Amino acid sequence: MALMDDCMEWLNYVEDLIRELSDSKPSEFKQGQVDGLRMAADMLKDYLADYPGYVDPLRKFDQFKM
């Protein structure tokens, strides 16, 4: 599924970008960007949750935890 792969790649990119922006010097502008990106990512995750084979990028390694 090429579209699912693209969506997963975008979600991984956005999660990395959110982490990078959050770790840098805080400003109201950056916080607004982080909030907007997080909202867009959450909307896409909610939409993709119905598709078979979808695994939340933040939870993909939970199955390997002891």
Protein backbone atom coordinates (compact mmCIF):
# COMPACT_ATOMS: atom_id res chain seq x y z
CA MET A 1 0.00 0.00 0.00
CA ALA A 2 1.93 3.00 -1.25
CA LEU A 3 -0.49 5.53 0.25
CA MET A 4 -0.25 3.95 3.71
CA ASP A 5 3.55 3.97 3.45
CA ASP A 6 3.49 7.66 2.50
CA CYS A 7 1.18 8.46 5.41
CA MET A 8 3.38 6.55 7.85
CA GLU A 9 6.48 8.31 6.52
CA TRP A 10 4.76 11.69 6.94
CA LEU A 11 3.70 10.83 10.50
CA ASN A 12 7.24 9.79 11.40
CA TYR A 13 8.57 13.02 9.91
CA VAL A 14 6.03 15.13 11.81
CA GLU A 15 6.77 13.37 15.11
CA ASP A 16 10.49 14.07 14.62
CA LEU A 17 9.77 17.69 13.69
CA ILE A 18 7.54 18.17 16.75
CA ARG A 19 10.26 16.72 18.97
CA GLU A 20 12.90 18.99 17.39
CA LEU A 21 10.76 22.13 17.71
CA SER A 22 9.81 21.27 21.29
CA ASP A 23 13.46 20.80 22.29
CA SER A 24 14.58 24.14 20.85
CA LYS A 25 14.23 27.57 22.46
CA PRO A 26 10.53 28.03 23.19
CA SER A 27 8.59 30.88 21.65
CA GLU A 28 4.91 31.53 21.12
CA PHE A 29 5.33 31.11 17.35
CA LYS A 30 7.07 27.73 17.67
CA GLN A 31 4.49 26.55 20.18
CA GLY A 32 1.77 27.45 17.69
CA GLN A 33 3.56 25.44 15.01
CA VAL A 34 3.91 22.46 17.34
CA ASP A 35 0.24 22.62 18.29
CA GLY A 36 -0.84 22.78 14.64
CA LEU A 37 1.42 19.90 13.60
CA ARG A 38 0.29 17.80 16.55
CA MET A 39 -3.37 18.48 15.67
CA ALA A 40 -2.83 17.49 12.02
CA ALA A 41 -0.96 14.33 13.02
CA ASP A 42 -3.65 13.36 15.52
CA MET A 43 -6.37 13.85 12.90
CA LEU A 44 -4.51 11.61 10.45
CA LYS A 45 -3.88 8.98 13.14
CA ASP A 46 -7.58 8.95 14.03
CA TYR A 47 -8.45 8.53 10.36
CA LEU A 48 -5.91 5.75 9.78
CA ALA A 49 -6.88 3.83 12.94
CA ASP A 50 -9.65 2.09 10.95
CA TYR A 51 -7.26 0.69 8.34
CA PRO A 52 -5.80 -2.79 8.79
CA GLY A 53 -2.08 -2.89 9.35
CA TYR A 54 -1.89 0.60 10.83
CA VAL A 55 0.37 0.92 13.85
CA ASP A 56 0.76 4.22 15.68
CA PRO A 57 4.40 5.33 15.17
CA LEU A 58 4.73 6.15 18.86
CA ARG A 59 3.50 2.68 19.84
CA LYS A 60 5.23 0.54 17.20
CA PHE A 61 7.82 -0.85 19.62
CA ASP A 62 5.43 -1.52 22.52
CA GLN A 63 5.19 -5.18 21.55
CA PHE A 64 8.92 -5.63 22.21
CA LYS A 65 8.91 -4.18 25.73
CA MET A 66 9.51 -6.62 28.55
